[in-house]
Amino acid sequence: MFAKGTKITHAVVIKKLNEILQARGKKRTDRAAQIEPLQLLVQITSENNLGEDIIIKIRFNITASLYDYNPNLDTYMKPETWQKRMDCINELMNILFANPSIFVRENILEESENMHNTDQSLCVCGCIFTLVERMDEEFTKIMQNTDPHSQEYMEHLKDEAQVCTITERVQCYLEEKGTTEICCVYLRPILHTYYKFDYKAHQQSLTPAEG
């Protein structure tokens, strides 16, 4: 990935990240192959102790690349890609909870990001809520495109617990940070709440007890 003897610094890693991202959306870009160099970049960043903030930025882009892997809005993710998606968000949330001094905001300009000067607040451009929103939408798409009478449907349904757990983690994080996105996150668990009216139980409750 880097020429032999290259000193790995924040600037070098960011430059390489931008080179990888510039290929996104181009016709001849192998979307599947783009994820691997991003994962390697995370490994190199970690080995050179460049900080969790820059790893957060790369992981945000890995998550986005997983969506690019399946750009067709009418189809849903393959199971292995879907699981990678959830694992990636969980790993990202682990880092954010372990490093409360790092701020992630959607309204931060990339040129205003601070990922190395510890004398100032460390901040990264990114939207935590978007991760949950797109994950939830993808889960709905998966369920809608699966035969409800099949075993596959039952297997997919088990993923709902993971989806709700991730949503709860993001909710806790945004509550701690006090962002305006929190109201949108509160709605997500409600959409996964099922309610079935029991008419017989209702009628029994209206019937006076004998004796």
C-alpha atoms as a PDB file:
ATOM      1  CA  MET A   1       0.000   0.000   0.000  1.00  0.00           C
ATOM      2  CA  PHE A   2       2.888   2.352   0.802  1.00  0.00           C
ATOM      3  CA  ALA A   3       6.341   2.506  -0.768  1.00  0.00           C
ATOM      4  CA  LYS A   4       9.104   0.853   1.236  1.00  0.00           C
ATOM      5  CA  GLY A   5      10.647   3.250   3.724  1.00  0.00           C
ATOM      6  CA  THR A   6       7.634   5.591   3.787  1.00  0.00           C
ATOM      7  CA  LYS A   7       7.113   7.167   7.192  1.00  0.00           C
ATOM      8  CA  ILE A   8       3.502   6.520   8.175  1.00  0.00           C
ATOM      9  CA  THR A   9       1.977   9.743   9.478  1.00  0.00           C
ATOM     10  CA  HIS A  10      -1.521  11.197   9.784  1.00  0.00           C
ATOM     11  CA  ALA A  11      -1.054  13.158   6.558  1.00  0.00           C
ATOM     12  CA  VAL A  12       0.164  10.092   4.634  1.00  0.00           C
ATOM     13  CA  VAL A  13      -2.776   7.956   5.798  1.00  0.00           C
ATOM     14  CA  ILE A  14      -5.344  10.664   4.998  1.00  0.00           C
ATOM     15  CA  LYS A  15      -3.830  11.119   1.547  1.00  0.00           C
ATOM     16  CA  LYS A  16      -4.074   7.379   0.884  1.00  0.00           C
ATOM     17  CA  LEU A  17      -7.654   7.335   2.208  1.00  0.00           C
ATOM     18  CA  ASN A  18      -8.636  10.121  -0.183  1.00  0.00           C
ATOM     19  CA  GLU A  19      -7.004   8.259  -3.088  1.00  0.00           C
ATOM     20  CA  ILE A  20      -9.106   5.187  -2.329  1.00  0.00           C
ATOM     21  CA  LEU A  21     -12.292   7.223  -1.935  1.00  0.00           C
ATOM     22  CA  GLN A  22     -11.789   9.074  -5.218  1.00  0.00           C
ATOM     23  CA  ALA A  23     -12.446   5.804  -7.043  1.00  0.00           C
ATOM     24  CA  ARG A  24     -15.914   5.437  -5.474  1.00  0.00           C
ATOM     25  CA  GLY A  25     -18.748   5.757  -7.939  1.00  0.00           C
ATOM     26  CA  LYS A  26     -16.601   5.314 -11.041  1.00  0.00           C
ATOM     27  CA  LYS A  27     -17.871   2.769 -13.575  1.00  0.00           C
ATOM     28  CA  ARG A  28     -14.794   0.552 -13.612  1.00  0.00           C
ATOM     29  CA  THR A  29     -14.303   0.536  -9.846  1.00  0.00           C
ATOM     30  CA  ASP A  30     -14.509  -2.899  -8.227  1.00  0.00           C
ATOM     31  CA  ARG A  31     -16.673  -2.074  -5.233  1.00  0.00           C
ATOM     32  CA  ALA A  32     -15.840  -5.324  -3.464  1.00  0.00           C
ATOM     33  CA  ALA A  33     -12.110  -4.762  -3.889  1.00  0.00           C
ATOM     34  CA  GLN A  34     -12.343  -1.251  -2.458  1.00  0.00           C
ATOM     35  CA  ILE A  35     -13.255  -2.488   1.027  1.00  0.00           C
ATOM     36  CA  GLU A  36     -10.067  -4.530   1.459  1.00  0.00           C
ATOM     37  CA  PRO A  37      -7.598  -1.587   1.167  1.00  0.00           C
ATOM     38  CA  LEU A  38      -9.683   0.389   3.675  1.00  0.00           C
ATOM     39  CA  GLN A  39      -9.460  -2.483   6.145  1.00  0.00           C
ATOM     40  CA  LEU A  40      -5.709  -2.697   5.535  1.00  0.00           C
ATOM     41  CA  LEU A  41      -5.463   1.044   6.155  1.00  0.00           C
ATOM     42  CA  VAL A  42      -7.130   0.540   9.552  1.00  0.00           C
ATOM     43  CA  GLN A  43      -4.554  -2.116  10.393  1.00  0.00           C
ATOM     44  CA  ILE A  44      -1.615   0.079   9.346  1.00  0.00           C
ATOM     45  CA  THR A  45      -3.014   3.041  11.291  1.00  0.00           C
ATOM     46  CA  SER A  46      -3.364   0.899  14.398  1.00  0.00           C
ATOM     47  CA  GLU A  47       0.129  -0.609  14.066  1.00  0.00           C
ATOM     48  CA  ASN A  48       1.627   2.883  13.852  1.00  0.00           C
ATOM     49  CA  ASN A  49      -0.397   4.184  16.818  1.00  0.00           C
ATOM     50  CA  LEU A  50      -1.861   7.106  14.907  1.00  0.00           C
ATOM     51  CA  GLY A  51      -4.926   7.257  17.139  1.00  0.00           C
ATOM     52  CA  GLU A  52      -8.495   6.043  17.269  1.00  0.00           C
ATOM     53  CA  ASP A  53      -9.846   9.227  15.707  1.00  0.00           C
ATOM     54  CA  ILE A  54      -8.374   8.487  12.309  1.00  0.00           C
ATOM     55  CA  ILE A  55      -9.534   4.860  12.603  1.00  0.00           C
ATOM     56  CA  ILE A  56     -13.069   6.178  13.211  1.00  0.00           C
ATOM     57  CA  LYS A  57     -12.880   8.168   9.986  1.00  0.00           C
ATOM     58  CA  ILE A  58     -11.724   5.138   8.002  1.00  0.00           C
ATOM     59  CA  ARG A  59     -14.402   2.900   9.543  1.00  0.00           C
ATOM     60  CA  PHE A  60     -17.108   5.384   8.566  1.00  0.00           C
ATOM     61  CA  ASN A  61     -15.926   4.997   4.986  1.00  0.00           C
ATOM     62  CA  ILE A  62     -15.800   1.198   5.230  1.00  0.00           C
ATOM     63  CA  THR A  63     -19.461   1.251   6.231  1.00  0.00           C
ATOM     64  CA  ALA A  64     -20.317   3.517   3.301  1.00  0.00           C
ATOM     65  CA  SER A  65     -18.374   1.236   0.936  1.00  0.00           C
ATOM     66  CA  LEU A  66     -20.418  -1.753   2.081  1.00  0.00           C
ATOM     67  CA  TYR A  67     -23.477   0.087   0.782  1.00  0.00           C
ATOM     68  CA  ASP A  68     -21.718   0.880  -2.485  1.00  0.00           C
ATOM     69  CA  TYR A  69     -21.093  -2.841  -2.815  1.00  0.00           C
ATOM     70  CA  ASN A  70     -24.828  -3.217  -3.416  1.00  0.00           C
ATOM     71  CA  PRO A  71     -25.963   0.034  -5.134  1.00  0.00           C
ATOM     72  CA  ASN A  72     -29.182  -1.428  -6.565  1.00  0.00           C
ATOM     73  CA  LEU A  73     -32.038  -0.044  -4.467  1.00  0.00           C
ATOM     74  CA  ASP A  74     -34.345  -2.851  -5.577  1.00  0.00           C
ATOM     75  CA  THR A  75     -32.180  -5.672  -4.191  1.00  0.00           C
ATOM     76  CA  TYR A  76     -30.944  -6.417  -0.720  1.00  0.00           C
ATOM     77  CA  MET A  77     -27.540  -7.228   0.763  1.00  0.00           C
ATOM     78  CA  LYS A  78     -26.144 -10.716   0.749  1.00  0.00           C
ATOM     79  CA  PRO A  79     -26.032 -12.285   4.247  1.00  0.00           C
ATOM     80  CA  GLU A  80     -22.232 -12.061   4.534  1.00  0.00           C
ATOM     81  CA  THR A  81     -22.201  -8.376   3.544  1.00  0.00           C
ATOM     82  CA  TRP A  82     -25.104  -7.635   5.898  1.00  0.00           C
ATOM     83  CA  GLN A  83     -23.259  -9.246   8.825  1.00  0.00           C
ATOM     84  CA  LYS A  84     -20.075  -7.322   7.999  1.00  0.00           C
ATOM     85  CA  ARG A  85     -22.180  -4.160   8.024  1.00  0.00           C
ATOM     86  CA  MET A  86     -23.454  -4.783  11.555  1.00  0.00           C
ATOM     87  CA  ASP A  87     -20.028  -5.888  12.811  1.00  0.00           C
ATOM     88  CA  CYS A  88     -18.487  -2.706  11.411  1.00  0.00           C
ATOM     89  CA  ILE A  89     -21.016  -0.492  13.217  1.00  0.00           C
ATOM     90  CA  ASN A  90     -20.482  -2.374  16.484  1.00  0.00           C
ATOM     91  CA  GLU A  91     -16.711  -1.986  16.193  1.00  0.00           C
ATOM     92  CA  LEU A  92     -17.152   1.711  15.488  1.00  0.00           C
ATOM     93  CA  MET A  93     -19.408   2.148  18.514  1.00  0.00           C
ATOM     94  CA  ASN A  94     -16.880   0.305  20.709  1.00  0.00           C
ATOM     95  CA  ILE A  95     -14.231   2.860  19.744  1.00  0.00           C
ATOM     96  CA  LEU A  96     -16.564   5.826  20.305  1.00  0.00           C
ATOM     97  CA  PHE A  97     -17.617   4.644  23.784  1.00  0.00           C
ATOM     98  CA  ALA A  98     -13.992   3.968  24.710  1.00  0.00           C
ATOM     99  CA  ASN A  99     -12.912   7.453  23.540  1.00  0.00           C
ATOM    100  CA  PRO A 100     -15.497   9.977  24.765  1.00  0.00           C
ATOM    101  CA  SER A 101     -13.110  12.882  24.069  1.00  0.00           C
ATOM    102  CA  ILE A 102     -13.469  12.318  20.307  1.00  0.00           C
ATOM    103  CA  PHE A 103     -16.381  14.231  18.833  1.00  0.00           C
ATOM    104  CA  VAL A 104     -18.183  13.057  15.690  1.00  0.00           C
ATOM    105  CA  ARG A 105     -20.408  15.605  13.986  1.00  0.00           C
ATOM    106  CA  GLU A 106     -22.019  15.768  10.570  1.00  0.00           C
ATOM    107  CA  ASN A 107     -21.585  19.548  10.358  1.00  0.00           C
ATOM    108  CA  ILE A 108     -17.786  19.447  10.754  1.00  0.00           C
ATOM    109  CA  LEU A 109     -16.002  20.407   7.541  1.00  0.00           C
ATOM    110  CA  GLU A 110     -13.311  17.941   6.519  1.00  0.00           C
ATOM    111  CA  GLU A 111     -10.726  20.725   6.485  1.00  0.00           C
ATOM    112  CA  SER A 112     -11.724  21.520  10.076  1.00  0.00           C
ATOM    113  CA  GLU A 113     -11.235  17.956  11.330  1.00  0.00           C
ATOM    114  CA  ASN A 114      -8.654  17.489  14.067  1.00  0.00           C
ATOM    115  CA  MET A 115      -7.224  13.989  14.316  1.00  0.00           C
ATOM    116  CA  HIS A 116      -3.771  14.585  15.754  1.00  0.00           C
ATOM    117  CA  ASN A 117      -3.528  17.820  17.755  1.00  0.00           C
ATOM    118  CA  THR A 118      -4.354  16.691  21.296  1.00  0.00           C
ATOM    119  CA  ASP A 119      -4.101  20.275  22.572  1.00  0.00           C
ATOM    120  CA  GLN A 120      -7.478  20.858  20.949  1.00  0.00           C
ATOM    121  CA  SER A 121     -10.712  18.842  20.830  1.00  0.00           C
ATOM    122  CA  LEU A 122     -10.390  15.841  18.532  1.00  0.00           C
ATOM    123  CA  CYS A 123     -13.206  15.928  15.989  1.00  0.00           C
ATOM    124  CA  VAL A 124     -14.183  13.838  12.977  1.00  0.00           C
ATOM    125  CA  CYS A 125     -16.769  14.473  10.272  1.00  0.00           C
ATOM    126  CA  GLY A 126     -19.485  11.801  10.311  1.00  0.00           C
ATOM    127  CA  CYS A 127     -23.147  11.128  11.045  1.00  0.00           C
ATOM    128  CA  ILE A 128     -23.836   8.400  13.613  1.00  0.00           C
ATOM    129  CA  PHE A 129     -27.597   8.455  13.016  1.00  0.00           C
ATOM    130  CA  THR A 130     -27.166   7.771   9.301  1.00  0.00           C
ATOM    131  CA  LEU A 131     -25.491   4.463  10.202  1.00  0.00           C
ATOM    132  CA  VAL A 132     -28.602   3.361  12.103  1.00  0.00           C
ATOM    133  CA  GLU A 133     -31.040   4.749   9.563  1.00  0.00           C
ATOM    134  CA  ARG A 134     -29.465   2.955   6.606  1.00  0.00           C
ATOM    135  CA  MET A 135     -29.023  -0.254   8.610  1.00  0.00           C
ATOM    136  CA  ASP A 136     -32.706  -0.198   9.561  1.00  0.00           C
ATOM    137  CA  GLU A 137     -33.785   0.497   5.992  1.00  0.00           C
ATOM    138  CA  GLU A 138     -31.629  -2.366   4.725  1.00  0.00           C
ATOM    139  CA  PHE A 139     -33.125  -4.750   7.290  1.00  0.00           C
ATOM    140  CA  THR A 140     -36.642  -3.797   6.140  1.00  0.00           C
ATOM    141  CA  LYS A 141     -35.623  -4.382   2.517  1.00  0.00           C
ATOM    142  CA  ILE A 142     -34.227  -7.821   3.404  1.00  0.00           C
ATOM    143  CA  MET A 143     -37.469  -8.849   5.114  1.00  0.00           C
ATOM    144  CA  GLN A 144     -39.642  -7.516   2.289  1.00  0.00           C
ATOM    145  CA  ASN A 145     -37.696  -9.498  -0.301  1.00  0.00           C
ATOM    146  CA  THR A 146     -37.741 -12.811   1.561  1.00  0.00           C
ATOM    147  CA  ASP A 147     -40.546 -15.389   1.419  1.00  0.00           C
ATOM    148  CA  PRO A 148     -42.291 -15.102   4.841  1.00  0.00           C
ATOM    149  CA  HIS A 149     -42.999 -18.851   4.805  1.00  0.00           C
ATOM    150  CA  SER A 150     -39.370 -19.840   4.317  1.00  0.00           C
ATOM    151  CA  GLN A 151     -36.677 -20.858   6.807  1.00  0.00           C
ATOM    152  CA  GLU A 152     -34.549 -18.048   5.380  1.00  0.00           C
ATOM    153  CA  TYR A 153     -37.132 -15.547   6.614  1.00  0.00           C
ATOM    154  CA  MET A 154     -36.906 -16.966  10.136  1.00  0.00           C
ATOM    155  CA  GLU A 155     -33.118 -16.682  10.027  1.00  0.00           C
ATOM    156  CA  HIS A 156     -33.308 -13.056   8.884  1.00  0.00           C
ATOM    157  CA  LEU A 157     -35.860 -12.305  11.595  1.00  0.00           C
ATOM    158  CA  LYS A 158     -33.279 -13.263  14.230  1.00  0.00           C
ATOM    159  CA  ASP A 159     -31.184 -10.309  13.048  1.00  0.00           C
ATOM    160  CA  GLU A 160     -33.782  -7.912  14.400  1.00  0.00           C
ATOM    161  CA  ALA A 161     -32.372  -8.370  17.904  1.00  0.00           C
ATOM    162  CA  GLN A 162     -28.953  -7.204  16.655  1.00  0.00           C
ATOM    163  CA  VAL A 163     -30.514  -4.275  14.822  1.00  0.00           C
ATOM    164  CA  CYS A 164     -32.326  -3.151  17.982  1.00  0.00           C
ATOM    165  CA  THR A 165     -29.211  -3.611  20.143  1.00  0.00           C
ATOM    166  CA  ILE A 166     -27.125  -1.464  17.800  1.00  0.00           C
ATOM    167  CA  THR A 167     -29.887   1.166  17.752  1.00  0.00           C
ATOM    168  CA  GLU A 168     -29.907   1.222  21.573  1.00  0.00           C
ATOM    169  CA  ARG A 169     -26.127   1.667  21.648  1.00  0.00           C
ATOM    170  CA  VAL A 170     -26.315   4.591  19.222  1.00  0.00           C
ATOM    171  CA  GLN A 171     -29.170   6.060  21.265  1.00  0.00           C
ATOM    172  CA  CYS A 172     -27.067   5.908  24.450  1.00  0.00           C
ATOM    173  CA  TYR A 173     -24.133   7.536  22.663  1.00  0.00           C
ATOM    174  CA  LEU A 174     -26.208  10.389  21.240  1.00  0.00           C
ATOM    175  CA  GLU A 175     -27.860  10.955  24.629  1.00  0.00           C
ATOM    176  CA  GLU A 176     -24.428  11.392  26.169  1.00  0.00           C
ATOM    177  CA  LYS A 177     -23.410  13.840  23.438  1.00  0.00           C
ATOM    178  CA  GLY A 178     -26.733  15.717  23.474  1.00  0.00           C
ATOM    179  CA  THR A 179     -27.161  15.978  19.714  1.00  0.00           C
ATOM    180  CA  THR A 180     -30.307  16.964  17.804  1.00  0.00           C
ATOM    181  CA  GLU A 181     -30.337  13.567  16.059  1.00  0.00           C
ATOM    182  CA  ILE A 182     -31.559  11.873  19.242  1.00  0.00           C
ATOM    183  CA  CYS A 183     -35.252  12.451  18.454  1.00  0.00           C
ATOM    184  CA  CYS A 184     -34.918  10.530  15.188  1.00  0.00           C
ATOM    185  CA  VAL A 185     -33.183   7.642  16.971  1.00  0.00           C
ATOM    186  CA  TYR A 186     -36.006   7.393  19.543  1.00  0.00           C
ATOM    187  CA  LEU A 187     -38.407   6.576  16.702  1.00  0.00           C
ATOM    188  CA  ARG A 188     -36.429   3.550  15.489  1.00  0.00           C
ATOM    189  CA  PRO A 189     -37.190   1.131  18.396  1.00  0.00           C
ATOM    190  CA  ILE A 190     -40.875   2.069  18.171  1.00  0.00           C
ATOM    191  CA  LEU A 191     -40.933   0.887  14.548  1.00  0.00           C
ATOM    192  CA  HIS A 192     -39.757  -2.532  15.754  1.00  0.00           C
ATOM    193  CA  THR A 193     -42.438  -2.827  18.430  1.00  0.00           C
ATOM    194  CA  TYR A 194     -45.254  -5.218  17.582  1.00  0.00           C
ATOM    195  CA  TYR A 195     -48.741  -5.026  19.072  1.00  0.00           C
ATOM    196  CA  LYS A 196     -51.625  -7.403  18.498  1.00  0.00           C
ATOM    197  CA  PHE A 197     -55.036  -6.621  19.969  1.00  0.00           C
ATOM    198  CA  ASP A 198     -56.429  -9.600  21.911  1.00  0.00           C
ATOM    199  CA  TYR A 199     -60.185  -9.262  21.446  1.00  0.00           C
ATOM    200  CA  LYS A 200     -61.064 -12.184  23.762  1.00  0.00           C
ATOM    201  CA  ALA A 201     -58.938 -10.845  26.589  1.00  0.00           C
ATOM    202  CA  HIS A 202     -60.527  -7.434  26.102  1.00  0.00           C
ATOM    203  CA  GLN A 203     -64.044  -8.905  26.308  1.00  0.00           C
ATOM    204  CA  GLN A 204     -63.151 -10.834  29.455  1.00  0.00           C
ATOM    205  CA  SER A 205     -61.896  -7.667  31.094  1.00  0.00           C
ATOM    206  CA  LEU A 206     -65.291  -6.024  30.434  1.00  0.00           C
ATOM    207  CA  THR A 207     -67.288  -8.935  31.891  1.00  0.00           C
ATOM    208  CA  PRO A 208     -67.974  -8.490  35.633  1.00  0.00           C
ATOM    209  CA  ALA A 209     -66.581 -11.290  37.780  1.00  0.00           C
ATOM    210  CA  GLU A 210     -69.248 -13.632  39.099  1.00  0.00           C
ATOM    211  CA  GLY A 211     -69.997 -13.901  42.819  1.00  0.00           C
END
